[in-house]
Amino acid sequence: MSEVYKYTIEIFYSEEDEGYIAVVPELPGCSAFGETEEEALKEIKVAIELWIDTAKKEGREIPKPMGKEVLGALVEKMKI
């Protein structure tokens, strides 16, 4: 379960879905829904584990977590 916490998680409100969507940019297609931010976070942690387990079973490459690099890029972008 330690792998779950290494990835960047983005959570945003969706008017269309009337709830919160959580996505993991490093893991294509990995997303989850929750009526609250907390619920979306809980669900995305499950989704990350499932994504990684499935990738391992299928012999797919598991992307390296890039949390600090993503954060650094956002900070640099904000300085411009």
C-alpha atoms as a PDB file:
ATOM      1  CA  MET A   1       0.000   0.000   0.000  1.00  0.00           C
ATOM      2  CA  SER A   2       2.977   2.342   0.330  1.00  0.00           C
ATOM      3  CA  GLU A   3       3.044   2.859  -3.449  1.00  0.00           C
ATOM      4  CA  VAL A   4      -0.347   4.595  -3.239  1.00  0.00           C
ATOM      5  CA  TYR A   5       1.002   7.641  -1.462  1.00  0.00           C
ATOM      6  CA  LYS A   6       3.845   8.322  -3.891  1.00  0.00           C
ATOM      7  CA  TYR A   7       1.699   9.592  -6.759  1.00  0.00           C
ATOM      8  CA  THR A   8       0.329  13.050  -7.404  1.00  0.00           C
ATOM      9  CA  ILE A   9      -3.433  13.172  -6.850  1.00  0.00           C
ATOM     10  CA  GLU A  10      -5.542  15.978  -8.275  1.00  0.00           C
ATOM     11  CA  ILE A  11      -9.067  16.502  -6.953  1.00  0.00           C
ATOM     12  CA  PHE A  12     -11.567  18.885  -8.487  1.00  0.00           C
ATOM     13  CA  TYR A  13     -15.298  19.537  -8.338  1.00  0.00           C
ATOM     14  CA  SER A  14     -17.371  18.544 -11.355  1.00  0.00           C
ATOM     15  CA  GLU A  15     -20.613  20.490 -11.849  1.00  0.00           C
ATOM     16  CA  GLU A  16     -21.700  17.927 -14.445  1.00  0.00           C
ATOM     17  CA  ASP A  17     -21.231  14.985 -12.073  1.00  0.00           C
ATOM     18  CA  GLU A  18     -22.221  16.972  -8.966  1.00  0.00           C
ATOM     19  CA  GLY A  19     -19.272  15.587  -7.041  1.00  0.00           C
ATOM     20  CA  TYR A  20     -15.512  15.406  -6.811  1.00  0.00           C
ATOM     21  CA  ILE A  21     -13.262  13.722  -9.343  1.00  0.00           C
ATOM     22  CA  ALA A  22      -9.801  12.510  -8.362  1.00  0.00           C
ATOM     23  CA  VAL A  23      -7.189  11.714 -11.011  1.00  0.00           C
ATOM     24  CA  VAL A  24      -3.583  10.517 -10.989  1.00  0.00           C
ATOM     25  CA  PRO A  25      -1.725  12.167 -13.905  1.00  0.00           C
ATOM     26  CA  GLU A  26       1.101   9.597 -13.859  1.00  0.00           C
ATOM     27  CA  LEU A  27      -1.327   6.657 -14.216  1.00  0.00           C
ATOM     28  CA  PRO A  28      -3.350   6.978 -17.443  1.00  0.00           C
ATOM     29  CA  GLY A  29      -7.036   6.368 -16.896  1.00  0.00           C
ATOM     30  CA  CYS A  30      -6.751   6.207 -13.107  1.00  0.00           C
ATOM     31  CA  SER A  31      -9.618   8.226 -11.661  1.00  0.00           C
ATOM     32  CA  ALA A  32     -12.289   8.039  -8.988  1.00  0.00           C
ATOM     33  CA  PHE A  33     -15.442   9.838  -7.886  1.00  0.00           C
ATOM     34  CA  GLY A  34     -16.739  10.942  -4.501  1.00  0.00           C
ATOM     35  CA  GLU A  35     -19.548  13.111  -3.204  1.00  0.00           C
ATOM     36  CA  THR A  36     -16.952  14.830  -0.995  1.00  0.00           C
ATOM     37  CA  GLU A  37     -13.237  15.530  -1.433  1.00  0.00           C
ATOM     38  CA  GLU A  38     -12.488  13.053   1.333  1.00  0.00           C
ATOM     39  CA  GLU A  39     -14.522  10.329  -0.370  1.00  0.00           C
ATOM     40  CA  ALA A  40     -12.816  10.997  -3.712  1.00  0.00           C
ATOM     41  CA  LEU A  41      -9.410  10.727  -2.009  1.00  0.00           C
ATOM     42  CA  LYS A  42     -10.367   7.450  -0.341  1.00  0.00           C
ATOM     43  CA  GLU A  43     -11.607   6.029  -3.654  1.00  0.00           C
ATOM     44  CA  ILE A  44      -8.553   7.137  -5.657  1.00  0.00           C
ATOM     45  CA  LYS A  45      -6.265   5.339  -3.219  1.00  0.00           C
ATOM     46  CA  VAL A  46      -8.164   2.124  -3.986  1.00  0.00           C
ATOM     47  CA  ALA A  47      -8.027   2.899  -7.716  1.00  0.00           C
ATOM     48  CA  ILE A  48      -4.248   3.404  -7.584  1.00  0.00           C
ATOM     49  CA  GLU A  49      -3.746   0.020  -5.931  1.00  0.00           C
ATOM     50  CA  LEU A  50      -5.976  -1.652  -8.522  1.00  0.00           C
ATOM     51  CA  TRP A  51      -4.206   0.152 -11.385  1.00  0.00           C
ATOM     52  CA  ILE A  52      -0.784  -0.984 -10.144  1.00  0.00           C
ATOM     53  CA  ASP A  53      -1.944  -4.563  -9.458  1.00  0.00           C
ATOM     54  CA  THR A  54      -3.462  -4.821 -12.941  1.00  0.00           C
ATOM     55  CA  ALA A  55      -0.355  -3.379 -14.598  1.00  0.00           C
ATOM     56  CA  LYS A  56       1.847  -5.901 -12.752  1.00  0.00           C
ATOM     57  CA  LYS A  57      -0.402  -8.827 -13.776  1.00  0.00           C
ATOM     58  CA  GLU A  58      -0.364  -7.679 -17.416  1.00  0.00           C
ATOM     59  CA  GLY A  59       3.390  -7.070 -17.412  1.00  0.00           C
ATOM     60  CA  ARG A  60       2.957  -3.366 -18.170  1.00  0.00           C
ATOM     61  CA  GLU A  61       5.465  -0.768 -17.069  1.00  0.00           C
ATOM     62  CA  ILE A  62       4.456   1.118 -13.941  1.00  0.00           C
ATOM     63  CA  PRO A  63       5.279   4.822 -14.267  1.00  0.00           C
ATOM     64  CA  LYS A  64       7.645   6.266 -11.720  1.00  0.00           C
ATOM     65  CA  PRO A  65       5.965   8.696  -9.297  1.00  0.00           C
ATOM     66  CA  MET A  66       6.826  12.262 -10.247  1.00  0.00           C
ATOM     67  CA  GLY A  67       5.154  14.188  -7.433  1.00  0.00           C
ATOM     68  CA  LYS A  68       8.054  16.514  -6.662  1.00  0.00           C
ATOM     69  CA  GLU A  69       8.777  17.124 -10.339  1.00  0.00           C
ATOM     70  CA  VAL A  70       5.117  17.984 -11.013  1.00  0.00           C
ATOM     71  CA  LEU A  71       5.029  20.322  -8.022  1.00  0.00           C
ATOM     72  CA  GLY A  72       8.281  21.978  -9.086  1.00  0.00           C
ATOM     73  CA  ALA A  73       6.934  22.552 -12.598  1.00  0.00           C
ATOM     74  CA  LEU A  74       3.764  24.131 -11.196  1.00  0.00           C
ATOM     75  CA  VAL A  75       5.748  26.429  -8.915  1.00  0.00           C
ATOM     76  CA  GLU A  76       7.982  27.515 -11.804  1.00  0.00           C
ATOM     77  CA  LYS A  77       4.922  28.100 -13.997  1.00  0.00           C
ATOM     78  CA  MET A  78       3.406  30.343 -11.328  1.00  0.00           C
ATOM     79  CA  LYS A  79       6.546  32.510 -11.248  1.00  0.00           C
ATOM     80  CA  ILE A  80       6.184  33.452 -14.910  1.00  0.00           C
END
